[in-house]
Protein backbone atom coordinates (compact mmCIF):
# COMPACT_ATOMS: atom_id res chain seq x y z
CA MET A 1 -5.30 -2.82 -38.64
CA SER A 2 -6.86 -6.24 -38.23
CA GLU A 3 -4.91 -9.15 -36.79
CA ALA A 4 -3.52 -11.47 -39.45
CA PRO A 5 -5.18 -14.91 -39.48
CA SER A 6 -3.07 -17.98 -38.76
CA PRO A 7 -3.22 -21.27 -40.66
CA GLU A 8 -4.97 -22.68 -37.58
CA ASP A 9 -7.62 -19.96 -37.90
CA VAL A 10 -8.20 -20.93 -41.54
CA ALA A 11 -8.55 -24.58 -40.57
CA ALA A 12 -11.09 -23.65 -37.88
CA TYR A 13 -13.07 -21.57 -40.38
CA ALA A 14 -13.12 -24.49 -42.80
CA ASP A 15 -14.27 -26.87 -40.08
CA ARG A 16 -17.21 -24.63 -39.17
CA LEU A 17 -18.23 -24.42 -42.83
CA SER A 18 -17.68 -28.16 -43.48
CA LEU A 19 -15.07 -27.34 -46.13
CA SER A 20 -11.80 -29.08 -46.92
CA VAL A 21 -8.74 -26.92 -47.55
CA GLY A 22 -5.46 -27.59 -49.21
CA ASP A 23 -2.67 -25.21 -48.23
CA ALA A 24 -3.85 -23.41 -45.09
CA ASP A 25 -0.59 -21.44 -44.92
CA ALA A 26 -1.14 -19.98 -48.39
CA LEU A 27 -4.74 -19.11 -47.59
CA ALA A 28 -3.72 -17.39 -44.35
CA GLU A 29 -1.22 -15.28 -46.30
CA GLN A 30 -3.87 -14.48 -48.93
CA PHE A 31 -6.39 -13.43 -46.28
CA ALA A 32 -3.82 -11.19 -44.59
CA GLU A 33 -3.13 -9.41 -47.88
CA GLN A 34 -6.87 -8.92 -48.47
CA ASP A 35 -7.33 -7.62 -44.92
CA ALA A 36 -4.62 -5.04 -45.58
CA VAL A 37 -6.68 -3.74 -48.50
CA LEU A 38 -9.76 -3.47 -46.28
CA ASP A 39 -7.81 -1.45 -43.70
CA ALA A 40 -8.36 1.56 -45.98
CA LEU A 41 -12.01 1.53 -44.86
CA ASP A 42 -10.90 2.61 -41.39
CA ALA A 43 -10.45 6.08 -42.84
CA ILE A 44 -14.23 6.37 -43.10
CA ALA A 45 -15.04 7.82 -39.72
CA ALA A 46 -18.25 6.74 -38.04
CA PRO A 47 -20.59 9.67 -37.30
CA GLU A 48 -20.82 10.90 -33.73
CA PRO A 49 -24.18 10.88 -31.92
CA PRO A 50 -25.71 14.30 -31.29
CA ASP A 51 -25.88 15.61 -27.75
CA ARG A 52 -29.48 14.96 -26.71
CA GLU A 53 -30.50 14.92 -23.08
CA HIS A 54 -31.95 11.64 -21.80
CA TRP A 55 -32.54 10.05 -18.42
CA ASP A 56 -33.72 6.83 -16.78
CA PRO A 57 -37.45 6.44 -16.17
CA ASP A 58 -38.69 6.97 -12.63
CA PRO A 59 -39.87 3.51 -11.51
CA ASP A 60 -42.37 5.06 -9.08
CA ALA A 61 -43.95 7.09 -11.88
CA ASP A 62 -43.69 4.22 -14.36
CA GLU A 63 -45.08 1.33 -12.35
CA LEU A 64 -46.31 -0.48 -15.47
CA GLY A 65 -42.83 -0.53 -17.06
CA ALA A 66 -43.65 1.39 -20.23
CA TRP A 67 -40.25 3.02 -20.62
CA LEU A 68 -36.59 2.11 -20.98
CA ALA A 69 -35.36 5.69 -21.39
CA ARG A 70 -36.91 9.16 -21.26
CA CYS A 71 -36.00 12.18 -23.35
CA ASP A 72 -37.48 15.35 -24.80
CA VAL A 73 -36.50 15.68 -28.44
CA ALA A 74 -38.08 18.14 -30.89
CA ARG A 75 -36.85 19.81 -34.06
CA ASP A 76 -36.37 23.55 -33.84
CA GLY A 77 -38.62 25.34 -36.27
CA ALA A 78 -40.44 22.21 -37.39
CA SER A 79 -44.18 22.53 -37.78
CA GLY A 80 -46.78 20.25 -39.28
CA PRO A 81 -49.73 17.92 -38.71
CA LEU A 82 -48.16 16.42 -35.58
CA ASP A 83 -47.63 19.76 -33.78
CA GLY A 84 -47.98 19.22 -30.06
CA LEU A 85 -48.20 15.42 -30.26
CA THR A 86 -45.99 13.42 -27.92
CA VAL A 87 -44.45 10.19 -29.24
CA GLY A 88 -42.87 7.16 -27.63
CA VAL A 89 -40.49 5.13 -29.80
CA LYS A 90 -39.97 1.39 -29.42
CA ASP A 91 -36.38 0.76 -28.41
CA ASN A 92 -35.43 -1.00 -31.64
CA VAL A 93 -35.98 2.21 -33.64
CA ALA A 94 -33.10 4.69 -33.48
CA VAL A 95 -33.39 8.09 -31.85
CA ALA A 96 -29.96 9.65 -32.33
CA GLY A 97 -28.18 10.56 -29.12
CA VAL A 98 -30.49 8.44 -26.96
CA PRO A 99 -29.46 4.92 -25.85
CA MET A 100 -30.99 2.06 -27.82
CA THR A 101 -31.04 -1.37 -26.18
CA CYS A 102 -33.42 -3.44 -28.35
CA GLY A 103 -34.49 -4.79 -24.96
CA SER A 104 -31.18 -6.64 -24.59
CA PRO A 105 -28.41 -6.54 -21.98
CA LEU A 106 -25.96 -6.89 -24.88
CA LEU A 107 -26.45 -3.19 -25.64
CA THR A 108 -26.17 -1.84 -22.09
CA ASP A 109 -23.20 -1.15 -19.81
CA PRO A 110 -21.95 0.68 -21.76
CA ASP A 111 -24.99 1.95 -23.58
CA TYR A 112 -25.18 1.77 -27.35
CA VAL A 113 -26.11 5.24 -28.67
CA PRO A 114 -27.06 5.56 -32.36
CA ALA A 115 -25.60 8.44 -34.32
CA ARG A 116 -28.57 9.18 -36.57
CA ASP A 117 -32.32 9.04 -36.39
CA ALA A 118 -34.32 6.30 -38.04
CA THR A 119 -36.21 7.62 -41.05
CA VAL A 120 -39.48 7.21 -39.14
CA VAL A 121 -38.17 9.35 -36.29
CA ASP A 122 -36.76 11.95 -38.67
CA ARG A 123 -40.14 12.30 -40.40
CA LEU A 124 -42.06 12.47 -37.12
CA LEU A 125 -39.81 15.30 -35.94
CA ASP A 126 -40.21 17.10 -39.27
CA ALA A 127 -43.99 16.90 -38.81
CA GLY A 128 -43.76 18.70 -35.45
CA ALA A 129 -43.86 15.74 -33.05
CA ARG A 130 -41.97 15.61 -29.76
CA ILE A 131 -40.19 12.36 -28.84
CA VAL A 132 -40.53 11.76 -25.10
CA GLY A 133 -38.84 8.39 -24.64
CA LYS A 134 -37.88 4.88 -25.74
CA THR A 135 -40.51 2.28 -24.92
CA ASN A 136 -40.01 -1.12 -23.33
CA MET A 137 -39.83 -4.26 -25.45
CA ASP A 138 -38.90 -7.94 -25.48
CA GLU A 139 -35.31 -8.73 -26.38
CA PHE A 140 -34.81 -8.09 -30.10
CA ALA A 141 -38.63 -8.16 -30.47
CA PHE A 142 -38.89 -11.89 -29.76
CA GLY A 143 -41.42 -12.05 -26.96
CA GLY A 144 -44.19 -13.70 -25.06
CA SER A 145 -42.67 -14.65 -21.71
CA ARG A 146 -40.89 -13.29 -18.65
CA GLU A 147 -37.54 -14.52 -19.93
CA SER A 148 -37.79 -12.42 -23.10
CA MET A 149 -38.47 -9.15 -21.22
CA ARG A 150 -34.93 -8.93 -19.93
CA LEU A 151 -34.61 -5.28 -18.84
CA ARG A 152 -37.98 -4.43 -17.27
CA LEU A 153 -41.25 -6.29 -16.98
CA ALA A 154 -44.13 -4.39 -18.63
CA ARG A 155 -47.58 -4.81 -17.08
CA ASN A 156 -51.12 -4.64 -18.44
CA PRO A 157 -52.93 -1.36 -17.62
CA HIS A 158 -56.16 -3.30 -16.96
CA ASP A 159 -54.53 -5.81 -14.60
CA PRO A 160 -50.85 -5.42 -13.68
CA ALA A 161 -50.56 -9.16 -13.06
CA ARG A 162 -51.21 -9.75 -16.77
CA GLN A 163 -49.18 -9.39 -19.93
CA PRO A 164 -49.76 -6.16 -21.90
CA GLY A 165 -48.92 -7.84 -25.22
CA SER A 166 -45.54 -8.18 -26.83
CA SER A 167 -43.17 -7.31 -28.24
CA SER A 168 -44.23 -3.64 -28.49
CA ALA A 169 -45.30 -3.86 -24.87
CA GLY A 170 -44.16 -0.46 -23.68
CA SER A 171 -45.70 1.30 -26.66
CA GLY A 172 -49.04 -0.33 -25.90
CA VAL A 173 -48.88 0.66 -22.23
CA ALA A 174 -47.88 4.26 -23.00
CA ALA A 175 -50.73 4.63 -25.49
CA ALA A 176 -53.30 2.96 -23.21
CA THR A 177 -52.44 5.13 -20.21
CA GLY A 178 -52.47 8.34 -22.26
CA GLU A 179 -48.80 9.04 -21.62
CA VAL A 180 -48.30 9.62 -25.34
CA ASP A 181 -50.43 10.65 -28.30
CA LEU A 182 -48.64 8.18 -30.57
CA ALA A 183 -46.26 5.27 -30.05
CA VAL A 184 -43.99 3.65 -32.62
CA GLY A 185 -43.99 -0.15 -32.60
CA SER A 186 -42.93 -3.02 -34.82
CA ASP A 187 -44.92 -6.07 -35.83
CA THR A 188 -43.52 -9.41 -37.05
CA GLY A 189 -46.35 -11.74 -36.13
CA GLY A 190 -48.64 -9.46 -34.16
CA SER A 191 -46.25 -7.41 -32.02
CA ILE A 192 -48.28 -4.22 -32.50
CA ARG A 193 -51.69 -5.86 -32.61
CA PHE A 194 -51.21 -8.01 -29.48
CA PRO A 195 -50.58 -4.98 -27.22
CA ALA A 196 -53.36 -3.14 -29.06
CA ALA A 197 -55.80 -5.95 -28.26
CA TRP A 198 -54.60 -6.77 -24.74
CA SER A 199 -53.95 -3.20 -23.57
CA GLY A 200 -57.11 -1.91 -25.25
CA VAL A 201 -55.95 0.67 -27.82
CA PRO A 202 -55.95 1.04 -31.61
CA GLY A 203 -52.88 -0.29 -33.41
CA LEU A 204 -51.74 -0.38 -37.04
CA LYS A 205 -49.50 -2.82 -38.91
CA PRO A 206 -48.99 -1.08 -42.27
CA SER A 207 -48.64 -2.66 -45.71
CA ARG A 208 -45.26 -4.22 -46.30
CA GLY A 209 -42.87 -1.64 -47.76
CA LEU A 210 -44.99 1.42 -47.02
CA VAL A 211 -42.89 2.60 -44.06
CA SER A 212 -39.10 2.81 -44.14
CA HIS A 213 -37.06 0.43 -41.99
CA ALA A 214 -33.88 2.50 -42.12
CA GLY A 215 -32.64 2.83 -38.54
CA PHE A 216 -34.84 -0.06 -37.37
CA VAL A 217 -33.27 -3.19 -35.90
CA GLN A 218 -35.33 -5.88 -37.53
CA TYR A 219 -36.48 -9.32 -36.47
CA ALA A 220 -37.30 -10.84 -39.86
CA LYS A 221 -37.07 -8.63 -42.93
CA THR A 222 -39.83 -10.43 -44.87
CA LEU A 223 -42.32 -10.25 -41.99
CA ASP A 224 -41.46 -7.01 -40.16
CA ASN A 225 -43.44 -3.79 -40.25
CA VAL A 226 -42.87 -0.52 -38.39
CA GLY A 227 -46.22 0.93 -37.32
CA PHE A 228 -48.09 2.64 -34.50
CA LEU A 229 -50.26 2.37 -31.43
CA ALA A 230 -52.26 5.33 -30.20
CA PRO A 231 -55.22 6.35 -28.03
CA THR A 232 -57.23 7.09 -31.20
CA VAL A 233 -57.54 5.86 -34.78
CA GLU A 234 -57.10 9.47 -35.95
CA ASN A 235 -53.64 9.60 -34.40
CA LEU A 236 -52.69 6.34 -36.13
CA ALA A 237 -53.68 7.94 -39.43
CA LEU A 238 -51.75 11.14 -38.70
CA GLY A 239 -48.66 9.13 -37.82
CA LEU A 240 -48.87 7.00 -40.95
CA ASP A 241 -49.30 10.03 -43.21
CA ALA A 242 -46.21 11.61 -41.65
CA VAL A 243 -43.86 8.66 -42.14
CA SER A 244 -45.10 6.73 -45.20
CA GLY A 245 -43.62 6.88 -48.66
CA PRO A 246 -40.33 6.29 -50.46
CA ASP A 247 -36.98 6.52 -48.69
CA PRO A 248 -33.64 6.19 -50.51
CA ARG A 249 -32.26 4.47 -47.40
CA ASP A 250 -34.70 1.55 -47.81
CA GLU A 251 -35.27 0.02 -51.24
CA ARG A 252 -38.44 -1.71 -50.02
CA THR A 253 -40.20 1.64 -50.16
CA GLN A 254 -39.43 2.36 -53.82
CA GLY A 255 -42.57 3.24 -55.73
CA ARG A 256 -44.63 3.81 -52.58
CA GLU A 257 -46.54 7.04 -52.22
CA PRO A 258 -47.32 8.79 -48.92
CA THR A 259 -50.78 8.03 -47.62
CA ALA A 260 -53.68 10.41 -47.01
CA ALA A 261 -55.20 8.31 -44.25
CA ALA A 262 -56.14 11.24 -42.01
CA ASP A 263 -58.75 12.36 -44.55
CA ALA A 264 -60.21 8.84 -44.71
CA VAL A 265 -61.04 8.70 -41.01
CA VAL A 266 -62.94 12.00 -40.88
CA ASP A 267 -66.72 11.43 -40.67
CA PRO A 268 -66.51 7.73 -41.57
CA ALA A 269 -69.67 6.25 -43.08
CA PRO A 270 -70.47 2.67 -41.98
CA GLU A 271 -73.06 2.41 -44.75
CA ALA A 272 -70.23 2.66 -47.30
CA LEU A 273 -68.31 -0.23 -45.72
CA THR A 274 -68.45 -3.85 -46.89
CA ILE A 275 -67.04 -6.35 -44.40
CA GLY A 276 -65.97 -9.93 -45.05
CA LEU A 277 -65.89 -12.46 -42.21
CA PRO A 278 -63.27 -15.15 -42.99
CA GLU A 279 -64.36 -18.50 -41.61
CA GLU A 280 -60.71 -19.42 -40.95
CA LEU A 281 -60.30 -16.64 -38.36
CA PHE A 282 -63.19 -17.68 -36.14
CA GLY A 283 -63.81 -20.73 -33.96
CA ALA A 284 -60.72 -20.90 -31.77
CA ALA A 285 -62.20 -18.78 -28.94
CA PRO A 286 -66.04 -18.78 -28.98
CA ARG A 287 -66.47 -16.16 -26.23
CA ILE A 288 -64.13 -13.74 -27.98
CA ASP A 289 -65.79 -14.55 -31.30
CA GLY A 290 -69.10 -13.52 -29.73
CA VAL A 291 -67.81 -10.10 -28.69
CA VAL A 292 -66.39 -9.49 -32.17
CA ARG A 293 -69.54 -10.68 -33.94
CA ASP A 294 -71.62 -8.38 -31.73
CA ALA A 295 -69.43 -5.47 -32.86
CA VAL A 296 -69.85 -6.46 -36.52
CA ASP A 297 -73.60 -6.70 -35.96
CA GLU A 298 -73.58 -3.13 -34.65
CA LEU A 299 -71.76 -2.01 -37.78
CA ALA A 300 -74.35 -3.85 -39.88
CA ALA A 301 -77.15 -2.13 -37.97
CA ALA A 302 -75.46 1.19 -38.81
CA GLY A 303 -75.56 0.32 -42.52
CA ALA A 304 -72.45 -1.75 -43.22
CA THR A 305 -72.76 -4.76 -45.51
CA VAL A 306 -71.45 -8.06 -44.06
CA ARG A 307 -70.56 -11.18 -46.02
CA SER A 308 -68.99 -14.55 -45.27
CA VAL A 309 -65.69 -15.18 -47.10
CA SER A 310 -62.89 -17.72 -47.09
CA ILE A 311 -59.10 -17.37 -47.40
CA GLU A 312 -57.74 -19.95 -49.82
CA ASN A 313 -54.38 -21.43 -48.78
CA TYR A 314 -54.79 -19.96 -45.28
CA ASP A 315 -53.04 -23.00 -43.77
CA PHE A 316 -49.80 -22.00 -45.51
CA TRP A 317 -49.41 -19.09 -43.09
CA LEU A 318 -47.75 -21.05 -40.31
CA PRO A 319 -45.07 -22.98 -42.22
CA ALA A 320 -44.32 -19.83 -44.20
CA TRP A 321 -44.13 -17.64 -41.08
CA LEU A 322 -41.98 -20.17 -39.22
CA ALA A 323 -39.52 -20.78 -42.04
CA LEU A 324 -39.20 -17.11 -42.94
CA GLY A 325 -39.04 -15.82 -39.39
CA MET A 326 -36.67 -18.35 -37.86
CA THR A 327 -34.33 -18.36 -40.84
CA GLU A 328 -34.15 -14.59 -41.03
CA VAL A 329 -33.80 -13.79 -37.33
CA GLY A 330 -31.29 -16.60 -36.77
CA ASN A 331 -29.01 -15.49 -39.57
CA TYR A 332 -29.49 -11.78 -38.78
CA LEU A 333 -28.35 -12.22 -35.19
CA ALA A 334 -25.54 -14.57 -36.18
CA ALA A 335 -24.34 -11.76 -38.48
CA ASP A 336 -24.57 -9.17 -35.67
CA THR A 337 -27.52 -7.46 -37.46
CA THR A 338 -25.79 -7.17 -40.83
CA ASN A 339 -28.60 -7.22 -43.38
CA TYR A 340 -27.08 -9.01 -46.36
CA TRP A 341 -28.77 -8.55 -49.77
CA SER A 342 -29.99 -5.11 -48.74
CA LEU A 343 -28.87 -1.77 -50.15
CA SER A 344 -29.00 -0.54 -46.55
CA PRO A 345 -27.11 -3.36 -44.82
CA GLY A 346 -27.18 -1.94 -41.29
CA GLU A 347 -25.40 0.39 -38.89
CA ARG A 348 -21.67 -0.13 -38.61
CA ALA A 349 -21.39 0.93 -34.95
CA LEU A 350 -24.18 -1.44 -33.90
CA ILE A 351 -22.64 -4.36 -35.80
CA GLU A 352 -19.25 -3.74 -34.23
CA ARG A 353 -20.78 -3.37 -30.79
CA LEU A 354 -22.69 -6.67 -31.00
CA HIS A 355 -19.62 -8.44 -32.36
CA GLU A 356 -17.62 -7.22 -29.36
CA ALA A 357 -20.45 -8.12 -26.98
CA ARG A 358 -20.11 -11.79 -27.90
CA ASP A 359 -16.85 -11.82 -25.95
CA GLY A 360 -18.42 -10.20 -22.89
CA GLU A 361 -20.41 -11.52 -19.95
CA SER A 362 -23.88 -10.77 -21.35
CA GLU A 363 -25.59 -13.31 -23.56
CA LEU A 364 -28.71 -13.47 -25.66
CA GLY A 365 -31.70 -14.87 -23.84
CA ALA A 366 -32.83 -18.46 -24.26
CA PRO A 367 -35.60 -17.77 -26.82
CA LEU A 368 -33.20 -16.07 -29.22
CA LYS A 369 -30.54 -18.71 -28.75
CA ALA A 370 -33.15 -21.30 -29.70
CA ALA A 371 -34.04 -19.31 -32.83
CA MET A 372 -30.41 -19.10 -33.91
CA LEU A 373 -29.91 -22.81 -33.32
CA TYR A 374 -33.06 -23.66 -35.27
CA ALA A 375 -31.88 -21.53 -38.19
CA GLU A 376 -28.57 -23.42 -38.14
CA HIS A 377 -30.44 -26.72 -37.92
CA ARG A 378 -32.55 -25.91 -40.99
CA SER A 379 -29.47 -24.84 -42.91
CA ARG A 380 -27.87 -28.21 -42.14
CA VAL A 381 -31.06 -30.12 -43.00
CA ASP A 382 -31.73 -28.74 -46.48
CA GLY A 383 -29.48 -25.74 -47.11
CA ASP A 384 -32.50 -23.49 -46.47
CA ALA A 385 -34.52 -24.93 -49.33
CA ALA A 386 -37.52 -24.71 -47.00
CA TYR A 387 -36.94 -20.96 -46.81
CA VAL A 388 -37.28 -20.70 -50.58
CA ALA A 389 -40.42 -22.85 -50.51
CA ALA A 390 -41.81 -20.59 -47.80
CA HIS A 391 -41.69 -17.63 -50.17
CA GLU A 392 -43.84 -19.57 -52.63
CA ALA A 393 -46.24 -20.40 -49.79
CA ARG A 394 -46.27 -16.68 -48.94
CA ARG A 395 -47.26 -15.77 -52.50
CA ARG A 396 -50.07 -18.34 -52.48
CA LEU A 397 -51.42 -17.11 -49.15
CA ALA A 398 -51.26 -13.49 -50.33
CA ALA A 399 -53.26 -14.42 -53.42
CA GLY A 400 -55.83 -16.12 -51.18
CA VAL A 401 -56.19 -12.99 -49.07
CA ASP A 402 -56.51 -10.89 -52.22
CA ASP A 403 -59.31 -13.14 -53.44
CA ALA A 404 -61.10 -12.92 -50.08
CA LEU A 405 -60.96 -9.12 -50.37
CA ALA A 406 -62.14 -9.04 -53.99
CA ASP A 407 -65.74 -8.09 -53.19
CA VAL A 408 -65.33 -6.48 -49.77
CA ASP A 409 -63.49 -3.48 -48.35
CA VAL A 410 -62.04 -5.22 -45.31
CA LEU A 411 -61.85 -8.56 -43.57
CA ALA A 412 -62.88 -8.56 -39.91
CA SER A 413 -61.90 -10.98 -37.15
CA PRO A 414 -60.83 -11.21 -33.53
CA THR A 415 -57.34 -9.73 -33.28
CA VAL A 416 -56.06 -12.34 -30.81
CA PRO A 417 -58.09 -15.49 -30.05
CA MET A 418 -57.27 -15.35 -26.34
CA LEU A 419 -57.42 -12.91 -23.44
CA ALA A 420 -54.29 -11.46 -21.89
CA PRO A 421 -52.69 -14.16 -19.71
CA THR A 422 -51.02 -13.48 -16.38
CA TRP A 423 -47.26 -13.30 -16.25
CA ASP A 424 -47.30 -16.60 -14.37
CA GLU A 425 -49.21 -18.36 -17.15
CA ALA A 426 -47.51 -19.90 -20.14
CA VAL A 427 -49.07 -19.44 -23.57
CA ASP A 428 -49.57 -23.12 -24.31
CA ASP A 429 -50.35 -22.66 -27.99
CA LEU A 430 -48.20 -19.81 -29.28
CA PHE A 431 -48.95 -20.54 -32.92
CA GLY A 432 -52.68 -20.65 -32.14
CA ALA A 433 -52.35 -17.23 -30.51
CA LEU A 434 -50.73 -15.89 -33.69
CA ALA A 435 -53.26 -17.49 -36.03
CA ASN A 436 -55.20 -14.28 -36.76
CA THR A 437 -52.29 -11.83 -36.89
CA GLY A 438 -49.35 -13.79 -38.33
CA PRO A 439 -50.99 -14.54 -41.70
CA PHE A 440 -50.99 -10.86 -42.62
CA ASN A 441 -47.30 -10.45 -41.80
CA VAL A 442 -46.72 -13.25 -44.28
CA SER A 443 -49.06 -11.78 -46.92
CA GLY A 444 -48.06 -8.13 -46.42
CA HIS A 445 -51.61 -6.76 -46.04
CA PRO A 446 -52.32 -3.84 -43.67
CA ALA A 447 -54.15 -4.66 -40.45
CA VAL A 448 -55.73 -2.44 -37.80
CA SER A 449 -56.83 -3.56 -34.34
CA VAL A 450 -59.39 -1.56 -32.36
CA PRO A 451 -60.88 -2.34 -28.93
CA CYS A 452 -64.45 -3.63 -29.33
CA GLY A 453 -65.53 -4.75 -25.87
CA SER A 454 -64.35 -6.79 -22.93
CA LEU A 455 -64.58 -10.16 -21.22
CA ASP A 456 -63.78 -10.73 -17.56
CA GLY A 457 -62.70 -7.09 -17.32
CA LEU A 458 -60.11 -7.50 -20.11
CA PRO A 459 -60.14 -5.86 -23.56
CA VAL A 460 -61.01 -7.69 -26.77
CA GLY A 461 -59.59 -6.54 -30.10
CA LEU A 462 -61.38 -6.34 -33.47
CA GLN A 463 -59.04 -6.62 -36.47
CA PHE A 464 -59.66 -5.10 -39.91
CA VAL A 465 -57.51 -6.17 -42.89
CA ALA A 466 -57.50 -4.33 -46.24
CA GLU A 467 -55.86 -4.72 -49.63
CA ARG A 468 -52.13 -4.12 -49.79
CA GLY A 469 -51.61 -0.38 -50.09
CA ALA A 470 -55.14 0.35 -48.84
CA ASP A 471 -54.05 1.22 -45.30
CA ALA A 472 -56.45 4.16 -45.29
CA THR A 473 -59.32 1.73 -45.88
CA ALA A 474 -58.34 -0.39 -42.87
CA LEU A 475 -58.11 2.75 -40.75
CA ARG A 476 -61.46 3.96 -42.09
CA ALA A 477 -63.03 0.69 -40.94
CA GLY A 478 -61.52 1.21 -37.49
CA ALA A 479 -62.91 4.73 -37.41
CA CYS A 480 -66.34 3.43 -38.47
CA TRP A 481 -66.39 1.09 -35.51
CA ALA A 482 -65.28 3.82 -33.11
CA SER A 483 -68.03 6.12 -34.39
CA VAL A 484 -70.67 3.41 -33.94
CA ASP A 485 -69.29 2.35 -30.57
CA GLY A 486 -69.09 5.95 -29.38
CA SER A 487 -65.70 5.24 -27.82
CA ASP A 488 -62.88 7.71 -27.42
CA SER A 489 -60.72 5.50 -29.64
CA HIS A 490 -62.19 7.47 -32.53
């Protein structure tokens, strides 16, 4: 039974909401009566987590900080296209019975243990995969600095002094070192494609709504995508085929059909590929541009057609991304991960745990506090009218990307217009770093990053973007490059 509110509580609530109240005593009595009705919900018992063995990673064997927890989870009798494949799962995607931290001290000591698998995990297990651990990440997927990697610092496989890319850092490291055949990640502004580019592996951000988010602790529901990193493009395609399609637990997937991407990457034909080079995605980093253009030239020499294109309303990406992302993450965290306006509003045990954690010693890190405060600031400035305008900007940008793709199969660009910085270097222009990845979180188009060369001993990523729903086409382009390059990323 919940504690009855006092008239002083009601007055405090009103003050926080900038409301005036008349009879606080009467309201307190009314709220107590309503709470008594809600007490009937306590009869709905929360499910218990299954008993699945898990253990802490060995720091000597995991010097690059890829893991937050290790496990060995498979489904008895399951068999399918992922037979024998090992999978790491980013620690904001639920594996039942295994601790999930979202990279935050708020969910440790004691550990938060989800009671059911995320839909993605459930489908991977059904397809024959074996889950071997939870991968390292920035706190609640808001990354880019030491202070956001609060549990363990992940390190770049090509230079441990450098960043591996965030926020799916551990998934990128595990894929790049061959510790897994497939790694689940999430991408809000480039959080799969940054570690793909900087750690030197293929990575896929799917079309918005193609992959279920049930059991995933989001950052920003409009921008988020659950996807994959892997040693090969083929494994990305296998993973996507296994998890894509409609899920009754996530209304965003309604009407989506499972992909057949694995077929698309078999014997790819560069001569059947038409590539558009958007002028807006080049120019920020000339040396990186040169590596990417050399790769596109190799594809052209192998028969691909290359054209110059332009993305109308490209400049809308940043105000749209900022308004959508900050508003959504700020309010989501303020609501303890309750996803209002969703038919799948969240996980009760997680919400209760985070609500209780607010009274404990652990706190959110500074970057997330700033996001919550900015969301509150915008709400006070205009009642979130800018958030509504951002959705219109999103639609206009998406139409511009559609137009750029009208006569080509894919758009090609550098994935990230900078090399991996050291952990001691600040990213001076964060929005500039996101300028090639963030637009496609806003627009919802699928994007694949593949390694296409190096500078100063560090990997450079080549990004392919396809029409919404044409994820197989983006993967086919990645496979074309790998076949021309002769790399083992094919």
